Full PDB file with SEQRES, HELIX, SHEET, SSBOND, CRYST1, ORIGX, SCALE, CONECT and MASTER records, all heavy atoms in Angstrom:
SEQRES   1 A   39  ALA ALA GLY ARG THR TRP VAL LEU PRO SER THR VAL ALA          
SEQRES   2 A   39  LEU TRP ILE PRO ALA GLY VAL PRO HIS ALA THR GLY ALA          
SEQRES   3 A   39  THR CYS ALA ALA LEU MET ARG SER LEU TYR PHE TRP PRO          
CRYST1    1.000    1.000    1.000  90.00  90.00  90.00 P 1           1          
ORIGX1      1.000000  0.000000  0.000000        0.00000                         
ORIGX2      0.000000  1.000000  0.000000        0.00000                         
ORIGX3      0.000000  0.000000  1.000000        0.00000                         
SCALE1      1.000000  0.000000  0.000000        0.00000                         
SCALE2      0.000000  1.000000  0.000000        0.00000                         
SCALE3      0.000000  0.000000  1.000000        0.00000                         
ATOM      1  N   ALA A   1      -1.995   5.034  -6.639  1.00  0.00           N  
ATOM      2  CA  ALA A   1      -0.682   5.197  -7.257  1.00  0.00           C  
ATOM      3  C   ALA A   1      -0.830   4.987  -8.779  1.00  0.00           C  
ATOM      4  O   ALA A   1      -1.627   4.168  -9.201  1.00  0.00           O  
ATOM      5  CB  ALA A   1       0.339   4.266  -6.682  1.00  0.00           C  
ATOM      6  N   ALA A   2      -0.087   5.781  -9.549  1.00  0.00           N  
ATOM      7  CA  ALA A   2      -0.043   5.536 -10.996  1.00  0.00           C  
ATOM      8  C   ALA A   2      -1.496   5.652 -11.605  1.00  0.00           C  
ATOM      9  O   ALA A   2      -1.750   4.898 -12.578  1.00  0.00           O  
ATOM     10  CB  ALA A   2       0.625   4.228 -11.313  1.00  0.00           C  
ATOM     11  N   GLY A   3      -2.325   6.489 -11.063  1.00  0.00           N  
ATOM     12  CA  GLY A   3      -3.666   6.604 -11.613  1.00  0.00           C  
ATOM     13  C   GLY A   3      -4.611   5.478 -11.287  1.00  0.00           C  
ATOM     14  O   GLY A   3      -5.695   5.445 -11.904  1.00  0.00           O  
ATOM     15  N   ARG A   4      -4.241   4.614 -10.384  1.00  0.00           N  
ATOM     16  CA  ARG A   4      -5.100   3.473 -10.031  1.00  0.00           C  
ATOM     17  C   ARG A   4      -5.289   3.449  -8.566  1.00  0.00           C  
ATOM     18  O   ARG A   4      -4.602   4.066  -7.735  1.00  0.00           O  
ATOM     19  CB  ARG A   4      -4.467   2.151 -10.495  1.00  0.00           C  
ATOM     20  CG  ARG A   4      -4.151   2.141 -12.012  1.00  0.00           C  
ATOM     21  CD  ARG A   4      -3.542   0.886 -12.457  1.00  0.00           C  
ATOM     22  NE  ARG A   4      -3.278   0.865 -13.934  1.00  0.00           N  
ATOM     23  CZ  ARG A   4      -4.180   0.423 -14.807  1.00  0.00           C  
ATOM     24  NH1 ARG A   4      -5.277  -0.091 -14.342  1.00  0.00           N  
ATOM     25  NH2 ARG A   4      -3.849   0.426 -16.064  1.00  0.00           N  
ATOM     26  N   THR A   5      -6.375   2.701  -8.162  1.00  0.00           N  
ATOM     27  CA  THR A   5      -6.645   2.465  -6.716  1.00  0.00           C  
ATOM     28  C   THR A   5      -6.682   0.909  -6.481  1.00  0.00           C  
ATOM     29  O   THR A   5      -7.400   0.184  -7.167  1.00  0.00           O  
ATOM     30  CB  THR A   5      -8.002   3.102  -6.329  1.00  0.00           C  
ATOM     31  OG1 THR A   5      -7.900   4.455  -6.586  1.00  0.00           O  
ATOM     32  CG2 THR A   5      -8.306   2.862  -4.901  1.00  0.00           C  
ATOM     33  N   TRP A   6      -5.980   0.550  -5.411  1.00  0.00           N  
ATOM     34  CA  TRP A   6      -6.062  -0.863  -4.966  1.00  0.00           C  
ATOM     35  C   TRP A   6      -6.721  -0.888  -3.624  1.00  0.00           C  
ATOM     36  O   TRP A   6      -6.396  -0.087  -2.708  1.00  0.00           O  
ATOM     37  CB  TRP A   6      -4.610  -1.407  -4.800  1.00  0.00           C  
ATOM     38  CG  TRP A   6      -3.877  -1.737  -6.007  1.00  0.00           C  
ATOM     39  CD1 TRP A   6      -3.702  -2.919  -6.711  1.00  0.00           C  
ATOM     40  CD2 TRP A   6      -3.082  -0.781  -6.832  1.00  0.00           C  
ATOM     41  NE1 TRP A   6      -3.001  -2.741  -7.838  1.00  0.00           N  
ATOM     42  CE2 TRP A   6      -2.525  -1.489  -7.917  1.00  0.00           C  
ATOM     43  CE3 TRP A   6      -2.848   0.612  -6.693  1.00  0.00           C  
ATOM     44  CZ2 TRP A   6      -1.711  -0.864  -8.912  1.00  0.00           C  
ATOM     45  CZ3 TRP A   6      -2.036   1.221  -7.606  1.00  0.00           C  
ATOM     46  CH2 TRP A   6      -1.469   0.544  -8.714  1.00  0.00           C  
ATOM     47  N   VAL A   7      -7.721  -1.802  -3.428  1.00  0.00           N  
ATOM     48  CA  VAL A   7      -8.338  -2.061  -2.159  1.00  0.00           C  
ATOM     49  C   VAL A   7      -7.779  -3.373  -1.682  1.00  0.00           C  
ATOM     50  O   VAL A   7      -7.911  -4.345  -2.405  1.00  0.00           O  
ATOM     51  CB  VAL A   7      -9.893  -2.118  -2.334  1.00  0.00           C  
ATOM     52  CG1 VAL A   7     -10.548  -2.493  -0.955  1.00  0.00           C  
ATOM     53  CG2 VAL A   7     -10.422  -0.780  -2.820  1.00  0.00           C  
ATOM     54  N   LEU A   8      -7.235  -3.304  -0.406  1.00  0.00           N  
ATOM     55  CA  LEU A   8      -6.467  -4.446   0.030  1.00  0.00           C  
ATOM     56  C   LEU A   8      -6.952  -5.059   1.388  1.00  0.00           C  
ATOM     57  O   LEU A   8      -6.701  -4.497   2.419  1.00  0.00           O  
ATOM     58  CB  LEU A   8      -4.997  -3.986   0.303  1.00  0.00           C  
ATOM     59  CG  LEU A   8      -4.287  -3.312  -0.917  1.00  0.00           C  
ATOM     60  CD1 LEU A   8      -3.008  -2.649  -0.476  1.00  0.00           C  
ATOM     61  CD2 LEU A   8      -4.084  -4.265  -2.100  1.00  0.00           C  
ATOM     62  N   PRO A   9      -7.775  -6.099   1.274  1.00  0.00           N  
ATOM     63  CA  PRO A   9      -8.142  -6.854   2.475  1.00  0.00           C  
ATOM     64  C   PRO A   9      -6.874  -7.553   2.974  1.00  0.00           C  
ATOM     65  O   PRO A   9      -5.820  -7.564   2.364  1.00  0.00           O  
ATOM     66  CB  PRO A   9      -9.193  -7.851   1.992  1.00  0.00           C  
ATOM     67  CG  PRO A   9      -8.856  -8.042   0.520  1.00  0.00           C  
ATOM     68  CD  PRO A   9      -8.307  -6.702   0.048  1.00  0.00           C  
ATOM     69  N   SER A  10      -6.973  -8.256   4.042  1.00  0.00           N  
ATOM     70  CA  SER A  10      -5.809  -8.906   4.726  1.00  0.00           C  
ATOM     71  C   SER A  10      -5.245 -10.064   3.901  1.00  0.00           C  
ATOM     72  O   SER A  10      -4.215 -10.562   4.173  1.00  0.00           O  
ATOM     73  CB  SER A  10      -6.158  -9.429   6.097  1.00  0.00           C  
ATOM     74  OG  SER A  10      -7.182 -10.394   6.057  1.00  0.00           O  
ATOM     75  N   THR A  11      -5.958 -10.472   2.866  1.00  0.00           N  
ATOM     76  CA  THR A  11      -5.499 -11.594   2.030  1.00  0.00           C  
ATOM     77  C   THR A  11      -4.431 -11.136   0.989  1.00  0.00           C  
ATOM     78  O   THR A  11      -3.776 -12.000   0.372  1.00  0.00           O  
ATOM     79  CB  THR A  11      -6.693 -12.311   1.284  1.00  0.00           C  
ATOM     80  OG1 THR A  11      -7.426 -11.277   0.582  1.00  0.00           O  
ATOM     81  CG2 THR A  11      -7.612 -12.918   2.253  1.00  0.00           C  
ATOM     82  N   VAL A  12      -4.342  -9.845   0.791  1.00  0.00           N  
ATOM     83  CA  VAL A  12      -3.401  -9.333  -0.235  1.00  0.00           C  
ATOM     84  C   VAL A  12      -2.630  -8.155   0.287  1.00  0.00           C  
ATOM     85  O   VAL A  12      -3.063  -7.477   1.229  1.00  0.00           O  
ATOM     86  CB  VAL A  12      -4.078  -8.939  -1.543  1.00  0.00           C  
ATOM     87  CG1 VAL A  12      -4.625 -10.219  -2.286  1.00  0.00           C  
ATOM     88  CG2 VAL A  12      -5.205  -7.970  -1.335  1.00  0.00           C  
ATOM     89  N   ALA A  13      -1.459  -7.883  -0.350  1.00  0.00           N  
ATOM     90  CA  ALA A  13      -0.648  -6.719  -0.007  1.00  0.00           C  
ATOM     91  C   ALA A  13      -0.222  -6.078  -1.304  1.00  0.00           C  
ATOM     92  O   ALA A  13      -0.335  -6.687  -2.411  1.00  0.00           O  
ATOM     93  CB  ALA A  13       0.547  -7.139   0.806  1.00  0.00           C  
ATOM     94  N   LEU A  14       0.329  -4.917  -1.226  1.00  0.00           N  
ATOM     95  CA  LEU A  14       0.726  -4.192  -2.441  1.00  0.00           C  
ATOM     96  C   LEU A  14       2.264  -3.823  -2.372  1.00  0.00           C  
ATOM     97  O   LEU A  14       2.664  -3.233  -1.384  1.00  0.00           O  
ATOM     98  CB  LEU A  14      -0.076  -2.860  -2.660  1.00  0.00           C  
ATOM     99  CG  LEU A  14       0.209  -2.254  -4.009  1.00  0.00           C  
ATOM    100  CD1 LEU A  14      -0.331  -3.040  -5.218  1.00  0.00           C  
ATOM    101  CD2 LEU A  14      -0.366  -0.835  -4.091  1.00  0.00           C  
ATOM    102  N   TRP A  15       2.935  -4.297  -3.357  1.00  0.00           N  
ATOM    103  CA  TRP A  15       4.348  -3.990  -3.498  1.00  0.00           C  
ATOM    104  C   TRP A  15       4.416  -2.568  -4.208  1.00  0.00           C  
ATOM    105  O   TRP A  15       3.902  -2.379  -5.311  1.00  0.00           O  
ATOM    106  CB  TRP A  15       5.136  -4.992  -4.349  1.00  0.00           C  
ATOM    107  CG  TRP A  15       6.502  -4.651  -4.637  1.00  0.00           C  
ATOM    108  CD1 TRP A  15       7.091  -3.919  -5.604  1.00  0.00           C  
ATOM    109  CD2 TRP A  15       7.717  -5.077  -3.857  1.00  0.00           C  
ATOM    110  NE1 TRP A  15       8.437  -3.827  -5.503  1.00  0.00           N  
ATOM    111  CE2 TRP A  15       8.861  -4.509  -4.417  1.00  0.00           C  
ATOM    112  CE3 TRP A  15       7.763  -5.836  -2.684  1.00  0.00           C  
ATOM    113  CZ2 TRP A  15      10.129  -4.791  -3.923  1.00  0.00           C  
ATOM    114  CZ3 TRP A  15       9.073  -6.126  -2.170  1.00  0.00           C  
ATOM    115  CH2 TRP A  15      10.231  -5.569  -2.784  1.00  0.00           C  
ATOM    116  N   ILE A  16       5.094  -1.596  -3.487  1.00  0.00           N  
ATOM    117  CA  ILE A  16       5.201  -0.281  -4.087  1.00  0.00           C  
ATOM    118  C   ILE A  16       6.756   0.023  -4.305  1.00  0.00           C  
ATOM    119  O   ILE A  16       7.461   0.119  -3.336  1.00  0.00           O  
ATOM    120  CB  ILE A  16       4.613   0.813  -3.203  1.00  0.00           C  
ATOM    121  CG1 ILE A  16       3.197   0.417  -2.833  1.00  0.00           C  
ATOM    122  CG2 ILE A  16       4.717   2.191  -3.845  1.00  0.00           C  
ATOM    123  CD1 ILE A  16       2.577   1.234  -1.693  1.00  0.00           C  
ATOM    124  N   PRO A  17       7.249   0.071  -5.496  1.00  0.00           N  
ATOM    125  CA  PRO A  17       8.623   0.245  -5.799  1.00  0.00           C  
ATOM    126  C   PRO A  17       9.127   1.640  -5.138  1.00  0.00           C  
ATOM    127  O   PRO A  17       8.398   2.596  -5.033  1.00  0.00           O  
ATOM    128  CB  PRO A  17       8.768   0.258  -7.245  1.00  0.00           C  
ATOM    129  CG  PRO A  17       7.566  -0.429  -7.740  1.00  0.00           C  
ATOM    130  CD  PRO A  17       6.566  -0.084  -6.811  1.00  0.00           C  
ATOM    131  N   ALA A  18      10.410   1.620  -4.758  1.00  0.00           N  
ATOM    132  CA  ALA A  18      10.997   2.857  -4.227  1.00  0.00           C  
ATOM    133  C   ALA A  18      10.786   3.991  -5.239  1.00  0.00           C  
ATOM    134  O   ALA A  18      10.940   3.829  -6.470  1.00  0.00           O  
ATOM    135  CB  ALA A  18      12.464   2.576  -4.011  1.00  0.00           C  
ATOM    136  N   GLY A  19      10.495   5.185  -4.692  1.00  0.00           N  
ATOM    137  CA  GLY A  19      10.342   6.320  -5.502  1.00  0.00           C  
ATOM    138  C   GLY A  19       8.990   6.565  -6.154  1.00  0.00           C  
ATOM    139  O   GLY A  19       8.810   7.640  -6.796  1.00  0.00           O  
ATOM    140  N   VAL A  20       8.088   5.629  -6.077  1.00  0.00           N  
ATOM    141  CA  VAL A  20       6.781   5.721  -6.730  1.00  0.00           C  
ATOM    142  C   VAL A  20       5.861   6.560  -5.791  1.00  0.00           C  
ATOM    143  O   VAL A  20       5.581   6.202  -4.634  1.00  0.00           O  
ATOM    144  CB  VAL A  20       6.072   4.366  -6.946  1.00  0.00           C  
ATOM    145  CG1 VAL A  20       4.707   4.531  -7.497  1.00  0.00           C  
ATOM    146  CG2 VAL A  20       6.955   3.649  -8.048  1.00  0.00           C  
ATOM    147  N   PRO A  21       5.353   7.661  -6.289  1.00  0.00           N  
ATOM    148  CA  PRO A  21       4.427   8.493  -5.478  1.00  0.00           C  
ATOM    149  C   PRO A  21       3.159   7.761  -5.183  1.00  0.00           C  
ATOM    150  O   PRO A  21       2.590   7.099  -6.130  1.00  0.00           O  
ATOM    151  CB  PRO A  21       4.196   9.777  -6.242  1.00  0.00           C  
ATOM    152  CG  PRO A  21       5.276   9.779  -7.324  1.00  0.00           C  
ATOM    153  CD  PRO A  21       5.597   8.388  -7.506  1.00  0.00           C  
ATOM    154  N   HIS A  22       2.641   7.735  -3.956  1.00  0.00           N  
ATOM    155  CA  HIS A  22       1.383   7.072  -3.720  1.00  0.00           C  
ATOM    156  C   HIS A  22       0.742   7.705  -2.421  1.00  0.00           C  
ATOM    157  O   HIS A  22       1.374   8.330  -1.630  1.00  0.00           O  
ATOM    158  CB  HIS A  22       1.661   5.597  -3.438  1.00  0.00           C  
ATOM    159  CG  HIS A  22       2.591   5.339  -2.274  1.00  0.00           C  
ATOM    160  ND1 HIS A  22       3.967   5.473  -2.391  1.00  0.00           N  
ATOM    161  CD2 HIS A  22       2.411   4.966  -0.981  1.00  0.00           C  
ATOM    162  CE1 HIS A  22       4.520   5.216  -1.167  1.00  0.00           C  
ATOM    163  NE2 HIS A  22       3.629   4.887  -0.343  1.00  0.00           N  
ATOM    164  N   ALA A  23      -0.518   7.432  -2.306  1.00  0.00           N  
ATOM    165  CA  ALA A  23      -1.309   7.852  -1.074  1.00  0.00           C  
ATOM    166  C   ALA A  23      -1.912   6.626  -0.526  1.00  0.00           C  
ATOM    167  O   ALA A  23      -2.376   5.682  -1.230  1.00  0.00           O  
ATOM    168  CB  ALA A  23      -2.378   8.876  -1.439  1.00  0.00           C  
ATOM    169  N   THR A  24      -1.906   6.455   0.832  1.00  0.00           N  
ATOM    170  CA  THR A  24      -2.401   5.276   1.524  1.00  0.00           C  
ATOM    171  C   THR A  24      -3.426   5.684   2.531  1.00  0.00           C  
ATOM    172  O   THR A  24      -3.255   6.684   3.250  1.00  0.00           O  
ATOM    173  CB  THR A  24      -1.234   4.601   2.233  1.00  0.00           C  
ATOM    174  OG1 THR A  24      -0.180   4.317   1.253  1.00  0.00           O  
ATOM    175  CG2 THR A  24      -1.711   3.238   2.822  1.00  0.00           C  
ATOM    176  N   GLY A  25      -4.517   4.958   2.517  1.00  0.00           N  
ATOM    177  CA  GLY A  25      -5.652   5.219   3.535  1.00  0.00           C  
ATOM    178  C   GLY A  25      -6.304   3.895   3.940  1.00  0.00           C  
ATOM    179  O   GLY A  25      -5.849   2.801   3.556  1.00  0.00           O  
ATOM    180  N   ALA A  26      -7.373   4.047   4.729  1.00  0.00           N  
ATOM    181  CA  ALA A  26      -8.099   2.963   5.164  1.00  0.00           C  
ATOM    182  C   ALA A  26      -9.551   3.126   4.955  1.00  0.00           C  
ATOM    183  O   ALA A  26     -10.122   4.202   5.211  1.00  0.00           O  
ATOM    184  CB  ALA A  26      -7.829   2.723   6.697  1.00  0.00           C  
ATOM    185  N   THR A  27     -10.240   2.110   4.450  1.00  0.00           N  
ATOM    186  CA  THR A  27     -11.709   2.204   4.178  1.00  0.00           C  
ATOM    187  C   THR A  27     -12.445   1.987   5.529  1.00  0.00           C  
ATOM    188  O   THR A  27     -13.621   2.295   5.593  1.00  0.00           O  
ATOM    189  CB  THR A  27     -12.131   1.196   3.193  1.00  0.00           C  
ATOM    190  OG1 THR A  27     -11.946  -0.119   3.684  1.00  0.00           O  
ATOM    191  CG2 THR A  27     -11.376   1.359   1.846  1.00  0.00           C  
ATOM    192  N   CYS A  28     -11.765   1.394   6.479  1.00  0.00           N  
ATOM    193  CA  CYS A  28     -12.345   1.238   7.862  1.00  0.00           C  
ATOM    194  C   CYS A  28     -11.129   1.164   8.757  1.00  0.00           C  
ATOM    195  O   CYS A  28      -9.982   1.175   8.356  1.00  0.00           O  
ATOM    196  CB  CYS A  28     -13.154  -0.074   7.969  1.00  0.00           C  
ATOM    197  SG  CYS A  28     -12.231  -1.626   7.617  1.00  0.00           S  
ATOM    198  N   ALA A  29     -11.287   1.260  10.064  1.00  0.00           N  
ATOM    199  CA  ALA A  29     -10.237   1.292  11.032  1.00  0.00           C  
ATOM    200  C   ALA A  29      -9.274   0.071  10.752  1.00  0.00           C  
ATOM    201  O   ALA A  29      -9.785  -1.054  10.536  1.00  0.00           O  
ATOM    202  CB  ALA A  29     -10.696   1.285  12.429  1.00  0.00           C  
ATOM    203  N   ALA A  30      -8.014   0.321  10.705  1.00  0.00           N  
ATOM    204  CA  ALA A  30      -7.071  -0.679  10.262  1.00  0.00           C  
ATOM    205  C   ALA A  30      -5.710  -0.581  11.000  1.00  0.00           C  
ATOM    206  O   ALA A  30      -5.388   0.507  11.388  1.00  0.00           O  
ATOM    207  CB  ALA A  30      -6.800  -0.579   8.723  1.00  0.00           C  
ATOM    208  N   LEU A  31      -5.060  -1.676  11.135  1.00  0.00           N  
ATOM    209  CA  LEU A  31      -3.735  -1.713  11.563  1.00  0.00           C  
ATOM    210  C   LEU A  31      -2.864  -1.941  10.293  1.00  0.00           C  
ATOM    211  O   LEU A  31      -2.968  -2.918   9.641  1.00  0.00           O  
ATOM    212  CB  LEU A  31      -3.421  -2.850  12.510  1.00  0.00           C  
ATOM    213  CG  LEU A  31      -1.967  -3.143  12.837  1.00  0.00           C  
ATOM    214  CD1 LEU A  31      -1.339  -1.920  13.576  1.00  0.00           C  
ATOM    215  CD2 LEU A  31      -1.797  -4.382  13.782  1.00  0.00           C  
ATOM    216  N   MET A  32      -2.036  -1.016   9.929  1.00  0.00           N  
ATOM    217  CA  MET A  32      -1.243  -1.037   8.720  1.00  0.00           C  
ATOM    218  C   MET A  32       0.169  -1.593   9.201  1.00  0.00           C  
ATOM    219  O   MET A  32       0.776  -1.119  10.163  1.00  0.00           O  
ATOM    220  CB  MET A  32      -1.062   0.275   8.068  1.00  0.00           C  
ATOM    221  CG  MET A  32      -0.223   0.232   6.805  1.00  0.00           C  
ATOM    222  SD  MET A  32      -0.249   1.804   5.939  1.00  0.00           S  
ATOM    223  CE  MET A  32       0.828   1.399   4.557  1.00  0.00           C  
ATOM    224  N   ARG A  33       0.684  -2.541   8.481  1.00  0.00           N  
ATOM    225  CA  ARG A  33       2.003  -3.096   8.721  1.00  0.00           C  
ATOM    226  C   ARG A  33       2.761  -2.990   7.374  1.00  0.00           C  
ATOM    227  O   ARG A  33       2.431  -3.690   6.422  1.00  0.00           O  
ATOM    228  CB  ARG A  33       1.936  -4.483   9.272  1.00  0.00           C  
ATOM    229  CG  ARG A  33       3.258  -4.977   9.760  1.00  0.00           C  
ATOM    230  CD  ARG A  33       3.004  -6.067  10.841  1.00  0.00           C  
ATOM    231  NE  ARG A  33       2.800  -5.522  12.138  1.00  0.00           N  
ATOM    232  CZ  ARG A  33       2.384  -6.232  13.208  1.00  0.00           C  
ATOM    233  NH1 ARG A  33       2.078  -7.432  13.083  1.00  0.00           N  
ATOM    234  NH2 ARG A  33       2.188  -5.623  14.398  1.00  0.00           N  
ATOM    235  N   SER A  34       3.787  -2.087   7.287  1.00  0.00           N  
ATOM    236  CA  SER A  34       4.616  -1.951   6.123  1.00  0.00           C  
ATOM    237  C   SER A  34       5.888  -2.522   6.218  1.00  0.00           C  
ATOM    238  O   SER A  34       6.552  -2.323   7.212  1.00  0.00           O  
ATOM    239  CB  SER A  34       4.631  -0.483   5.746  1.00  0.00           C  
ATOM    240  OG  SER A  34       3.386  -0.009   5.215  1.00  0.00           O  
ATOM    241  N   LEU A  35       6.339  -3.237   5.247  1.00  0.00           N  
ATOM    242  CA  LEU A  35       7.723  -3.750   5.159  1.00  0.00           C  
ATOM    243  C   LEU A  35       8.486  -2.858   4.179  1.00  0.00           C  
ATOM    244  O   LEU A  35       7.956  -2.484   3.168  1.00  0.00           O  
ATOM    245  CB  LEU A  35       7.682  -5.207   4.673  1.00  0.00           C  
ATOM    246  CG  LEU A  35       7.532  -6.238   5.739  1.00  0.00           C  
ATOM    247  CD1 LEU A  35       6.046  -6.122   6.236  1.00  0.00           C  
ATOM    248  CD2 LEU A  35       7.703  -7.650   5.131  1.00  0.00           C  
ATOM    249  N   TYR A  36       9.685  -2.542   4.540  1.00  0.00           N  
ATOM    250  CA  TYR A  36      10.499  -1.662   3.735  1.00  0.00           C  
ATOM    251  C   TYR A  36      11.861  -2.448   3.356  1.00  0.00           C  
ATOM    252  O   TYR A  36      12.465  -2.983   4.284  1.00  0.00           O  
ATOM    253  CB  TYR A  36      10.928  -0.331   4.446  1.00  0.00           C  
ATOM    254  CG  TYR A  36       9.707   0.443   4.872  1.00  0.00           C  
ATOM    255  CD1 TYR A  36       9.226   0.363   6.188  1.00  0.00           C  
ATOM    256  CD2 TYR A  36       8.997   1.224   3.906  1.00  0.00           C  
ATOM    257  CE1 TYR A  36       8.061   1.033   6.526  1.00  0.00           C  
ATOM    258  CE2 TYR A  36       7.856   1.917   4.365  1.00  0.00           C  
ATOM    259  CZ  TYR A  36       7.404   1.861   5.640  1.00  0.00           C  
ATOM    260  OH  TYR A  36       6.324   2.537   6.000  1.00  0.00           O  
ATOM    261  N   PHE A  37      12.053  -2.545   2.030  1.00  0.00           N  
ATOM    262  CA  PHE A  37      13.153  -3.415   1.562  1.00  0.00           C  
ATOM    263  C   PHE A  37      14.237  -2.474   1.007  1.00  0.00           C  
ATOM    264  O   PHE A  37      13.967  -1.738   0.039  1.00  0.00           O  
ATOM    265  CB  PHE A  37      12.654  -4.376   0.482  1.00  0.00           C  
ATOM    266  CG  PHE A  37      11.539  -5.232   0.952  1.00  0.00           C  
ATOM    267  CD1 PHE A  37      10.294  -4.780   1.113  1.00  0.00           C  
ATOM    268  CD2 PHE A  37      11.798  -6.637   1.138  1.00  0.00           C  
ATOM    269  CE1 PHE A  37       9.217  -5.698   1.466  1.00  0.00           C  
ATOM    270  CE2 PHE A  37      10.781  -7.482   1.557  1.00  0.00           C  
ATOM    271  CZ  PHE A  37       9.487  -7.008   1.690  1.00  0.00           C  
ATOM    272  N   TRP A  38      15.478  -2.577   1.467  1.00  0.00           N  
ATOM    273  CA  TRP A  38      16.520  -1.760   0.990  1.00  0.00           C  
ATOM    274  C   TRP A  38      16.824  -2.246  -0.496  1.00  0.00           C  
ATOM    275  O   TRP A  38      17.116  -3.416  -0.663  1.00  0.00           O  
ATOM    276  CB  TRP A  38      17.799  -1.894   1.842  1.00  0.00           C  
ATOM    277  CG  TRP A  38      17.480  -1.567   3.254  1.00  0.00           C  
ATOM    278  CD1 TRP A  38      17.364  -2.492   4.313  1.00  0.00           C  
ATOM    279  CD2 TRP A  38      17.143  -0.378   3.820  1.00  0.00           C  
ATOM    280  NE1 TRP A  38      17.020  -1.830   5.474  1.00  0.00           N  
ATOM    281  CE2 TRP A  38      16.860  -0.530   5.144  1.00  0.00           C  
ATOM    282  CE3 TRP A  38      17.060   0.923   3.271  1.00  0.00           C  
ATOM    283  CZ2 TRP A  38      16.472   0.589   6.008  1.00  0.00           C  
ATOM    284  CZ3 TRP A  38      16.681   1.983   4.143  1.00  0.00           C  
ATOM    285  CH2 TRP A  38      16.426   1.779   5.426  1.00  0.00           C  
ATOM    286  N   PRO A  39      16.727  -1.371  -1.405  1.00  0.00           N  
ATOM    287  CA  PRO A  39      16.960  -1.728  -2.854  1.00  0.00           C  
ATOM    288  C   PRO A  39      18.240  -2.461  -3.158  1.00  0.00           C  
ATOM    289  O   PRO A  39      18.194  -3.347  -4.031  1.00  0.00           O  
ATOM    290  CB  PRO A  39      16.883  -0.398  -3.562  1.00  0.00           C  
ATOM    291  CG  PRO A  39      15.958   0.438  -2.667  1.00  0.00           C  
ATOM    292  CD  PRO A  39      16.361   0.079  -1.292  1.00  0.00           C  
TER     293      PRO A  39                                                      
MASTER        0    0    0    0    0    0    0    6  292    1    0    3          
END                                                                             
């Protein structure tokens, strides 16, 4: 997102503001759990 790449092990998460374009993937098989917060 925003011209940058974040690699996220289980010790960290990434807050992505509403409306920000982003792509999400996995470097190895993963269970993704996303929280969505009503603005």
